[in-house]
C-alpha cells in the first residue's frame, strides 16, 4: 500500500479547496450573490488554512530542565539531613557539635570546590554521565553512614564522598544547563532550578525530622540513599548533553550555539577549569562576586542550614517544629528564587543583589530575639521574609558571571564563585559549632553574619558593567 507524503496530501487538499471555491463562484455568478471578488477571497483564505491544526510540541529544553530539577532535588535530600542529625549523633556517640560541624564543613567546602571541575568535566564527558555518577556517590555516602562508629568515618562519608557527589550537581550544573539549552528565559530557568534545592529541603526535611524524632536516624540516612539511587536511572534515560544531540536548537536560539571543545580526559578538563580561574582572577569583578557569594554561603547554608534547628532546640523548641520552620523557608525560597530569576531578566543584577543582601542582614540581626519554646508570629514573619531571600542571590550572580565573562566561560567561572560560596558556608558551619560550644549560644554567629551581609551588598554594587574577556581554552 502506497502512503502519500505530507507534501502530496497538502497539494491535493489545496487543489480540492480551489476547485470547490471555483465551483461556488460559478454558481453565484449564474444565480446572483457575492461575485468574483468574494470567491477570490474565499480561495485565498481556504488555501492558506492548514489541513489540520498541529499540536505544538514542548521544546526539549524544558524536559531537560525538568530532569535537572529532579536530580537537584535528589541531591538536596542529603543536604536536608545534617541539621536534624546533630543532636542524635551527639547523643549516641558523644561527639561535640564542633566535631559534627567539622564534617559538615568539609562537605560544604568540597561541594563548592568540586563545582568548577564538574562544569569542565561536563564539557568533556557530558552532563548525563557526570550527574549519574554524582547521584551514585550521594547514595553510597549516605547509605554507608548507617555503619559508622567513629568520627573520622563521619568526615569521610558526610564530608568527602557526599561532598563530591553534591558538588558535582551544584549550581554549576544549573549554569551549564541554562547556557547550553536556553537563550530566552535564562533568568527564569536559573531561578526555577536553583529553587530545586529548596524543594528538596521542603520535601525531605519534615520527613527526616519525623524519622529522627522516633529515634531512627539510620532510617533517615537510608531513605536519602535510596532516593538518590532511584533518580539516577531517570537521569541516564532522559538527560541529553546538548540540543544538537536531539536535532534542535537551544530554546530561543536561531541557530546552534558555539561549542567549547575540551580535548583529552579528566586532566584536560581540570586544566581548563584552572585556566579559566587564572584568567578570571585577574579581574576585580571576580573577587567582588566571589567575596559577596562567600558571605551568601556563610549566612545561608553554613549558619541557617546547619545550625538553625539546634539553635531553636536550645530554646526549648521541638526538633520537628524547628525543622518544619526550615522547610517553610524552603517553600518561600522557591517563590523568591523564581521571582528573582524573573527580575534578573528585566533589571540590573547589581542592584538586585544590593537589595537582597541588605534585607538578609537586617533580618539576621533580629533573629536571636525571636527564638522561643513555641513558634510565635514574629518568628513566622522572619521565616517568610528570610525564605524569600534565601538563594534569590543566585540568578543575578550567575547573570553577572555570564555578562562579564561570556557564555563559554560562565559555567566554570560561576563554579569558582560557588566554591567561594561554599568555603564561606563551610567556615561558618564549623565556627558556628565552636561558638556554641564556647559561649553556650549562637548569638554572636547571627550578629556577625548580619554585619557581613551589609559588606556583601556594597561589594555587589561595586561590580562594573560587563566587559568580555578572551576565552581561556
Protein backbone atom coordinates (compact mmCIF):
# COMPACT_ATOMS: atom_id res chain seq x y z
CA UNK A 1 0.00 0.00 0.00
CA UNK A 2 1.42 3.38 -1.01
CA UNK A 3 1.13 6.07 1.66
CA UNK A 4 1.03 9.64 0.30
CA UNK A 5 3.59 12.03 1.71
CA UNK A 6 2.62 15.08 3.76
CA UNK A 7 3.57 17.37 0.83
CA UNK A 8 1.44 15.49 -1.74
CA UNK A 9 -1.51 15.34 0.66
CA UNK A 10 -1.30 19.09 1.23
CA UNK A 11 -1.17 19.75 -2.55
CA UNK A 12 -4.20 17.54 -3.14
CA UNK A 13 -6.11 19.25 -0.35
CA UNK A 14 -5.39 22.72 -1.74
CA UNK A 15 -6.46 21.66 -5.24
CA UNK A 16 -9.73 20.31 -3.85
CA UNK A 17 -10.43 23.51 -1.95
CA UNK A 18 -9.70 25.62 -5.03
CA UNK A 19 -11.97 23.50 -7.21
CA UNK A 20 -14.77 23.79 -4.69
CA UNK A 21 -14.31 27.56 -4.48
CA UNK A 22 -14.33 27.95 -8.28
CA UNK A 23 -17.50 25.87 -8.39
CA UNK A 24 -19.15 28.17 -5.86
CA UNK A 25 -18.01 31.24 -7.81
CA UNK A 26 -19.60 29.93 -10.99
CA UNK A 27 -22.82 29.09 -9.12
CA UNK A 28 -23.06 32.58 -7.61
CA UNK A 29 -22.27 34.22 -10.94
CA UNK A 30 -25.21 32.48 -12.56
CA UNK A 31 -27.76 32.91 -9.76
CA UNK A 32 -26.51 36.11 -8.12
CA UNK A 33 -24.64 36.68 -4.91
CA UNK A 34 -21.18 37.58 -3.91
CA UNK A 35 -19.39 37.71 -7.26
CA UNK A 36 -15.80 37.03 -8.26
CA UNK A 37 -14.19 39.24 -5.60
CA UNK A 38 -15.73 37.23 -2.80
CA UNK A 39 -14.78 33.98 -4.49
CA UNK A 40 -11.14 35.05 -4.77
CA UNK A 41 -11.16 35.94 -1.06
CA UNK A 42 -12.62 32.52 -0.31
CA UNK A 43 -9.87 30.88 -2.35
CA UNK A 44 -7.14 32.86 -0.57
CA UNK A 45 -8.46 32.13 2.90
CA UNK A 46 -9.08 28.45 2.18
CA UNK A 47 -5.70 27.79 0.60
CA UNK A 48 -3.86 29.43 3.48
CA UNK A 49 -5.73 27.41 6.11
CA UNK A 50 -3.67 24.42 7.28
CA UNK A 51 -5.11 20.97 6.58
CA UNK A 52 -5.27 20.27 10.31
CA UNK A 53 -4.32 22.03 13.49
CA UNK A 54 -0.90 20.87 14.59
CA UNK A 55 -0.23 20.26 18.24
CA UNK A 56 2.61 22.49 19.34
CA UNK A 57 5.33 20.40 20.97
CA UNK A 58 7.05 21.33 24.19
CA UNK A 59 10.65 22.25 23.41
CA UNK A 60 13.10 19.57 24.54
CA UNK A 61 14.94 22.15 26.67
CA UNK A 62 12.05 22.17 29.12
CA UNK A 63 12.25 18.38 29.54
CA UNK A 64 15.98 18.62 30.22
CA UNK A 65 15.29 21.35 32.77
CA UNK A 66 12.66 19.14 34.44
CA UNK A 67 15.06 16.20 34.75
CA UNK A 68 17.72 18.53 36.14
CA UNK A 69 15.21 19.81 38.69
CA UNK A 70 14.51 16.26 39.90
CA UNK A 71 18.23 15.43 40.11
CA UNK A 72 18.94 18.51 42.20
CA UNK A 73 16.01 17.63 44.47
CA UNK A 74 17.59 14.22 45.00
CA UNK A 75 20.92 15.77 45.94
CA UNK A 76 19.17 18.25 48.22
CA UNK A 77 17.68 15.34 50.15
CA UNK A 78 21.02 14.79 51.84
CA UNK A 79 21.54 18.49 52.45
CA UNK A 80 18.33 18.44 54.49
CA UNK A 81 19.66 15.85 56.94
CA UNK A 82 22.70 17.29 58.80
CA UNK A 83 20.78 19.91 60.78
CA UNK A 84 18.38 17.32 62.25
CA UNK A 85 21.05 14.67 62.84
CA UNK A 86 23.35 16.81 65.01
CA UNK A 87 21.50 16.06 68.26
CA UNK A 88 21.08 12.29 67.65
CA UNK A 89 24.75 11.87 66.73
CA UNK A 90 25.82 13.91 69.74
CA UNK A 91 23.62 11.78 71.99
CA UNK A 92 24.62 8.36 70.61
CA UNK A 93 28.35 8.81 70.01
CA UNK A 94 29.16 11.69 72.36
CA UNK A 95 30.68 13.76 69.54
CA UNK A 96 30.76 17.52 70.17
CA UNK A 97 28.94 19.92 67.90
CA UNK A 98 32.31 21.23 66.80
CA UNK A 99 33.28 17.73 65.58
CA UNK A 100 29.99 17.22 63.77
CA UNK A 101 30.20 20.74 62.40
CA UNK A 102 33.66 19.91 61.03
CA UNK A 103 32.20 17.07 58.96
CA UNK A 104 29.50 19.39 57.62
CA UNK A 105 32.22 21.96 56.94
CA UNK A 106 34.23 19.50 54.83
CA UNK A 107 31.05 18.64 52.93
CA UNK A 108 30.25 22.26 52.18
CA UNK A 109 33.78 23.16 51.14
CA UNK A 110 34.10 20.14 48.82
CA UNK A 111 30.63 20.91 47.49
CA UNK A 112 31.99 24.24 46.33
CA UNK A 113 35.48 23.21 45.23
CA UNK A 114 34.08 20.38 43.10
CA UNK A 115 31.75 22.70 41.17
CA UNK A 116 34.21 24.32 38.72
CA UNK A 117 35.84 21.00 37.92
CA UNK A 118 32.45 19.34 37.47
CA UNK A 119 31.50 22.09 34.99
CA UNK A 120 34.65 21.32 32.99
CA UNK A 121 34.01 17.57 33.27
CA UNK A 122 30.50 18.10 31.90
CA UNK A 123 32.05 19.73 28.86
CA UNK A 124 34.42 16.81 28.40
CA UNK A 125 32.31 13.76 29.33
CA UNK A 126 28.76 15.10 29.14
CA UNK A 127 26.16 16.18 31.67
CA UNK A 128 24.41 12.82 31.79
CA UNK A 129 27.47 10.83 32.85
CA UNK A 130 28.63 13.33 35.47
CA UNK A 131 25.20 13.73 37.10
CA UNK A 132 24.54 9.97 37.16
CA UNK A 133 27.88 9.26 38.87
CA UNK A 134 27.22 12.12 41.30
CA UNK A 135 23.88 10.63 42.36
CA UNK A 136 25.53 7.27 42.93
CA UNK A 137 28.14 8.94 45.17
CA UNK A 138 25.43 10.65 47.23
CA UNK A 139 23.62 7.32 47.58
CA UNK A 140 26.76 5.45 48.64
CA UNK A 141 27.94 8.10 51.10
CA UNK A 142 24.57 8.48 52.79
CA UNK A 143 23.88 4.75 52.87
CA UNK A 144 27.21 3.82 54.44
CA UNK A 145 26.71 6.23 57.36
CA UNK A 146 24.41 3.67 58.98
CA UNK A 147 27.50 1.52 59.69
CA UNK A 148 29.85 4.24 61.02
CA UNK A 149 31.28 4.04 64.53
CA UNK A 150 33.98 6.76 64.59
CA UNK A 151 34.13 10.48 63.90
CA UNK A 152 36.63 10.09 61.05
CA UNK A 153 34.08 7.94 59.23
CA UNK A 154 31.56 10.74 59.55
CA UNK A 155 34.05 13.16 57.98
CA UNK A 156 34.89 10.68 55.21
CA UNK A 157 31.28 9.82 54.31
CA UNK A 158 29.42 13.05 55.03
CA UNK A 159 32.31 15.30 54.18
CA UNK A 160 34.24 13.72 51.31
CA UNK A 161 32.00 11.22 49.48
CA UNK A 162 28.73 13.12 49.70
CA UNK A 163 30.56 16.44 49.28
CA UNK A 164 31.98 15.28 45.94
CA UNK A 165 28.59 13.97 44.83
CA UNK A 166 26.53 17.01 45.72
CA UNK A 167 29.26 19.32 44.43
CA UNK A 168 29.03 17.68 41.01
CA UNK A 169 25.35 18.67 40.93
CA UNK A 170 25.89 22.10 42.40
CA UNK A 171 24.79 25.34 40.81
CA UNK A 172 27.48 24.86 38.15
CA UNK A 173 25.07 22.28 36.72
CA UNK A 174 22.40 24.98 36.59
CA UNK A 175 24.83 27.30 34.80
CA UNK A 176 25.72 24.59 32.28
CA UNK A 177 22.10 23.66 31.54
CA UNK A 178 20.97 27.26 31.09
CA UNK A 179 23.99 28.16 28.94
CA UNK A 180 23.57 25.17 26.61
CA UNK A 181 19.81 24.79 26.39
CA UNK A 182 18.38 28.30 26.80
CA UNK A 183 18.85 31.70 25.19
CA UNK A 184 15.50 33.12 26.20
CA UNK A 185 14.16 32.74 29.76
CA UNK A 186 17.62 32.07 31.20
CA UNK A 187 16.98 34.06 34.35
CA UNK A 188 13.65 32.37 34.97
CA UNK A 189 15.04 28.86 34.40
CA UNK A 190 18.01 29.66 36.65
CA UNK A 191 15.59 30.66 39.37
CA UNK A 192 13.49 27.50 38.98
CA UNK A 193 16.49 25.14 39.00
CA UNK A 194 18.06 26.96 41.93
CA UNK A 195 14.77 26.55 43.78
CA UNK A 196 15.09 22.78 43.30
CA UNK A 197 17.42 22.69 46.30
CA UNK A 198 14.75 24.35 48.39
CA UNK A 199 12.16 21.95 47.01
CA UNK A 200 14.29 19.03 48.15
CA UNK A 201 14.57 20.58 51.56
CA UNK A 202 10.81 21.12 51.63
CA UNK A 203 10.09 17.51 50.71
CA UNK A 204 12.66 15.73 52.85
CA UNK A 205 13.29 17.87 55.92
CA UNK A 206 9.95 17.23 57.68
CA UNK A 207 10.16 13.55 56.75
CA UNK A 208 13.73 13.19 58.03
CA UNK A 209 12.88 15.13 61.19
CA UNK A 210 9.90 12.87 61.91
CA UNK A 211 12.05 9.75 61.43
CA UNK A 212 14.82 11.13 63.64
CA UNK A 213 12.31 12.13 66.32
CA UNK A 214 11.37 8.46 66.53
CA UNK A 215 14.99 7.61 67.28
CA UNK A 216 15.78 6.17 63.84
CA UNK A 217 18.44 8.42 62.33
CA UNK A 218 19.85 5.45 60.39
CA UNK A 219 16.49 5.01 58.65
CA UNK A 220 16.67 8.68 57.66
CA UNK A 221 20.12 8.21 56.08
CA UNK A 222 18.94 5.09 54.26
CA UNK A 223 15.91 6.99 52.91
CA UNK A 224 18.16 9.65 51.41
CA UNK A 225 20.42 6.97 49.89
CA UNK A 226 17.52 5.17 48.23
CA UNK A 227 16.10 8.43 46.88
CA UNK A 228 19.34 9.38 45.13
CA UNK A 229 19.71 5.83 43.81
CA UNK A 230 16.17 5.84 42.39
CA UNK A 231 16.70 9.11 40.48
CA UNK A 232 19.93 8.00 38.75
CA UNK A 233 18.26 5.77 36.07
CA UNK A 234 15.87 8.57 35.06
CA UNK A 235 18.78 10.96 34.55
CA UNK A 236 20.58 8.42 32.38
CA UNK A 237 17.43 7.79 30.34
CA UNK A 238 16.09 11.33 29.84
CA UNK A 239 19.06 13.71 30.12
CA UNK A 240 20.84 14.88 26.97
CA UNK A 241 24.07 16.87 26.83
CA UNK A 242 23.32 19.39 24.07
CA UNK A 243 20.34 20.44 21.92
CA UNK A 244 22.16 19.20 18.81
CA UNK A 245 22.07 15.66 20.23
CA UNK A 246 18.31 15.57 19.61
CA UNK A 247 18.27 17.71 16.46
CA UNK A 248 17.05 21.01 17.93
CA UNK A 249 18.49 24.41 18.77
CA UNK A 250 18.61 25.94 22.22
CA UNK A 251 15.33 27.48 23.35
CA UNK A 252 15.09 30.95 21.79
CA UNK A 253 18.14 30.50 19.53
CA UNK A 254 18.10 30.97 15.75
CA UNK A 255 20.93 28.50 15.21
CA UNK A 256 23.38 26.24 17.02
CA UNK A 257 25.30 27.81 19.88
CA UNK A 258 29.12 27.78 19.89
CA UNK A 259 30.59 24.63 21.44
CA UNK A 260 33.66 24.83 23.66
CA UNK A 261 35.79 21.79 22.92
CA UNK A 262 37.72 20.21 25.77
CA UNK A 263 40.10 17.64 24.27
CA UNK A 264 41.68 14.92 26.37
CA UNK A 265 40.44 13.33 29.54
CA UNK A 266 39.67 14.45 33.05
CA UNK A 267 43.10 16.05 33.36
CA UNK A 268 42.40 18.31 30.40
CA UNK A 269 39.02 19.29 31.87
CA UNK A 270 40.69 20.12 35.19
CA UNK A 271 43.33 22.12 33.33
CA UNK A 272 40.64 24.16 31.62
CA UNK A 273 38.96 24.86 34.96
CA UNK A 274 42.26 26.17 36.35
CA UNK A 275 43.00 28.27 33.24
CA UNK A 276 39.58 29.88 33.47
CA UNK A 277 40.25 30.61 37.15
CA UNK A 278 43.61 32.25 36.41
CA UNK A 279 42.01 34.35 33.66
CA UNK A 280 39.06 35.45 35.79
CA UNK A 281 41.17 36.03 38.91
CA UNK A 282 42.97 38.87 37.13
CA UNK A 283 39.78 40.90 37.26
CA UNK A 284 38.40 42.95 40.14
CA UNK A 285 34.87 41.76 39.40
CA UNK A 286 35.66 38.11 40.02
CA UNK A 287 36.85 38.84 43.55
CA UNK A 288 33.87 41.07 44.29
CA UNK A 289 31.44 38.39 43.12
CA UNK A 290 33.33 35.61 44.92
CA UNK A 291 33.56 37.59 48.15
CA UNK A 292 29.90 38.53 48.17
CA UNK A 293 28.85 34.98 47.34
CA UNK A 294 31.11 33.65 50.07
CA UNK A 295 29.18 35.76 52.56
CA UNK A 296 25.97 34.49 50.99
CA UNK A 297 27.03 30.91 51.74
CA UNK A 298 28.11 31.78 55.26
CA UNK A 299 24.73 33.31 56.08
CA UNK A 300 22.60 30.56 54.48
CA UNK A 301 23.97 27.01 54.13
CA UNK A 302 26.69 27.49 56.73
CA UNK A 303 24.71 29.15 59.50
CA UNK A 304 20.97 28.81 58.92
CA UNK A 305 21.06 25.48 57.11
CA UNK A 306 23.34 23.82 59.66
CA UNK A 307 22.59 25.50 63.00
CA UNK A 308 19.04 26.88 62.91
CA UNK A 309 17.41 23.65 64.13
CA UNK A 310 19.83 23.04 67.05
CA UNK A 311 19.70 26.77 67.93
CA UNK A 312 15.91 26.66 68.14
CA UNK A 313 16.11 23.43 70.13
CA UNK A 314 18.43 25.18 72.60
CA UNK A 315 15.50 27.49 73.39
CA UNK A 316 13.12 24.58 74.04
CA UNK A 317 11.53 24.29 70.61
CA UNK A 318 10.91 20.68 69.48
CA UNK A 319 13.16 19.46 66.69
CA UNK A 320 10.19 18.67 64.45
CA UNK A 321 8.83 22.21 64.87
CA UNK A 322 12.22 23.77 64.11
CA UNK A 323 12.69 21.50 61.08
CA UNK A 324 9.21 22.48 59.92
CA UNK A 325 10.20 26.14 60.06
CA UNK A 326 13.29 25.41 57.97
CA UNK A 327 11.07 23.60 55.48
CA UNK A 328 8.78 26.65 55.32
CA UNK A 329 11.86 28.67 54.43
CA UNK A 330 12.21 26.23 51.54
CA UNK A 331 8.63 26.95 50.42
CA UNK A 332 9.16 30.69 50.24
CA UNK A 333 12.63 30.20 48.84
CA UNK A 334 11.03 28.61 45.77
CA UNK A 335 8.80 31.66 45.32
CA UNK A 336 11.62 34.13 45.97
CA UNK A 337 14.15 32.45 43.70
CA UNK A 338 11.79 32.11 40.76
CA UNK A 339 10.74 35.74 41.22
CA UNK A 340 14.41 36.72 41.38
CA UNK A 341 15.02 34.94 38.08
CA UNK A 342 12.14 36.85 36.51
CA UNK A 343 13.51 40.14 37.89
CA UNK A 344 17.02 39.30 36.67
CA UNK A 345 15.72 39.15 33.09
CA UNK A 346 14.46 42.72 33.49
CA UNK A 347 16.57 44.72 36.00
CA UNK A 348 20.18 45.48 36.90
CA UNK A 349 21.57 42.42 38.68
CA UNK A 350 23.92 44.51 40.83
CA UNK A 351 21.08 46.50 42.34
CA UNK A 352 19.05 43.37 42.94
CA UNK A 353 21.96 41.84 44.88
CA UNK A 354 22.34 45.01 46.94
CA UNK A 355 18.69 44.82 47.98
CA UNK A 356 18.84 41.09 48.76
CA UNK A 357 21.92 41.29 50.97
CA UNK A 358 20.74 44.34 52.91
CA UNK A 359 17.38 42.73 53.70
CA UNK A 360 19.04 39.46 54.71
CA UNK A 361 21.50 41.20 57.02
CA UNK A 362 18.78 43.15 58.81
CA UNK A 363 16.69 40.00 59.35
CA UNK A 364 19.65 38.08 60.86
CA UNK A 365 20.32 40.86 63.37
CA UNK A 366 16.78 40.43 64.73
CA UNK A 367 16.80 36.62 64.80
CA UNK A 368 18.32 35.99 68.29
CA UNK A 369 15.44 37.82 69.93
CA UNK A 370 12.83 35.69 68.12
CA UNK A 371 13.69 32.21 69.47
CA UNK A 372 11.18 30.76 71.94
CA UNK A 373 9.79 27.42 73.09
CA UNK A 374 6.93 27.68 70.62
CA UNK A 375 6.51 29.25 67.20
CA UNK A 376 5.39 32.85 67.69
CA UNK A 377 4.12 35.27 64.96
CA UNK A 378 7.40 37.29 64.83
CA UNK A 379 9.34 34.09 64.09
CA UNK A 380 6.87 33.19 61.36
CA UNK A 381 7.35 36.64 59.83
CA UNK A 382 11.13 36.11 59.87
CA UNK A 383 10.78 32.68 58.26
CA UNK A 384 8.69 34.04 55.39
CA UNK A 385 10.91 37.08 54.92
CA UNK A 386 14.17 35.13 55.07
CA UNK A 387 12.81 32.38 52.85
CA UNK A 388 12.05 34.81 50.04
CA UNK A 389 15.69 35.94 50.19
CA UNK A 390 17.42 32.58 50.86
CA UNK A 391 19.02 31.94 47.45
CA UNK A 392 17.46 34.77 45.48
CA UNK A 393 21.06 35.90 45.00
CA UNK A 394 21.86 33.06 42.58
CA UNK A 395 20.12 34.26 39.35
CA UNK A 396 21.66 37.78 39.41
CA UNK A 397 25.09 36.41 40.40
CA UNK A 398 25.04 33.93 37.52
CA UNK A 399 23.82 36.67 35.18
CA UNK A 400 26.76 38.87 36.16
CA UNK A 401 29.18 35.98 35.53
CA UNK A 402 27.65 35.44 32.11
CA UNK A 403 27.68 39.15 31.22
CA UNK A 404 31.20 39.67 32.45
CA UNK A 405 32.94 36.51 31.21
CA UNK A 406 30.77 35.27 28.33
CA UNK A 407 28.63 32.20 27.76
CA UNK A 408 31.58 29.86 27.14
CA UNK A 409 33.35 30.61 30.42
CA UNK A 410 30.36 31.48 32.61
CA UNK A 411 29.63 27.95 33.95
CA UNK A 412 33.26 27.43 35.03
CA UNK A 413 33.64 30.95 36.42
CA UNK A 414 30.40 30.58 38.32
CA UNK A 415 31.70 27.26 39.60
CA UNK A 416 34.64 29.08 41.19
CA UNK A 417 32.34 31.78 42.57
CA UNK A 418 30.23 28.98 44.02
CA UNK A 419 33.40 27.50 45.52
CA UNK A 420 33.80 30.76 47.43
CA UNK A 421 30.15 30.46 48.50
CA UNK A 422 30.77 27.01 49.94
CA UNK A 423 34.09 27.91 51.55
CA UNK A 424 32.21 30.63 53.41
CA UNK A 425 29.48 28.16 54.28
CA UNK A 426 31.99 25.57 55.46
CA UNK A 427 33.88 28.00 57.66
CA UNK A 428 30.74 29.21 59.38
CA UNK A 429 29.32 25.68 59.74
CA UNK A 430 32.42 24.77 61.73
CA UNK A 431 32.88 28.09 63.56
CA UNK A 432 29.19 28.22 64.45
CA UNK A 433 29.51 24.93 66.30
CA UNK A 434 32.68 26.14 68.04
CA UNK A 435 30.93 29.37 69.07
CA UNK A 436 28.06 27.37 70.54
CA UNK A 437 30.48 25.14 72.49
CA UNK A 438 32.42 28.17 73.73
CA UNK A 439 29.67 30.69 74.58
CA UNK A 440 26.65 28.42 75.09
CA UNK A 441 24.54 30.02 72.33
CA UNK A 442 24.67 31.13 68.70
CA UNK A 443 24.02 34.86 69.22
CA UNK A 444 27.48 36.00 68.15
CA UNK A 445 27.21 33.97 64.94
CA UNK A 446 23.91 35.61 63.98
CA UNK A 447 25.25 39.13 64.61
CA UNK A 448 28.46 38.58 62.66
CA UNK A 449 26.58 37.08 59.71
CA UNK A 450 24.15 40.01 59.61
CA UNK A 451 27.01 42.51 59.58
CA UNK A 452 28.84 40.65 56.82
CA UNK A 453 25.73 40.78 54.63
CA UNK A 454 25.99 44.57 54.58
CA UNK A 455 29.53 44.23 53.22
CA UNK A 456 28.30 41.81 50.54
CA UNK A 457 25.67 44.34 49.46
CA UNK A 458 28.26 47.02 48.72
CA UNK A 459 30.63 44.53 47.07
CA UNK A 460 27.87 43.58 44.65
CA UNK A 461 27.11 47.20 43.85
CA UNK A 462 30.81 47.81 43.10
CA UNK A 463 30.83 45.33 40.18
CA UNK A 464 31.45 47.31 37.00
CA UNK A 465 29.40 46.93 33.80
CA UNK A 466 30.13 43.96 31.56
CA UNK A 467 33.30 43.59 29.55
CA UNK A 468 34.03 40.33 27.75
CA UNK A 469 37.40 38.64 28.25
CA UNK A 470 39.13 36.39 25.71
CA UNK A 471 38.11 32.77 26.17
CA UNK A 472 40.61 30.65 28.10
CA UNK A 473 40.87 27.46 26.05
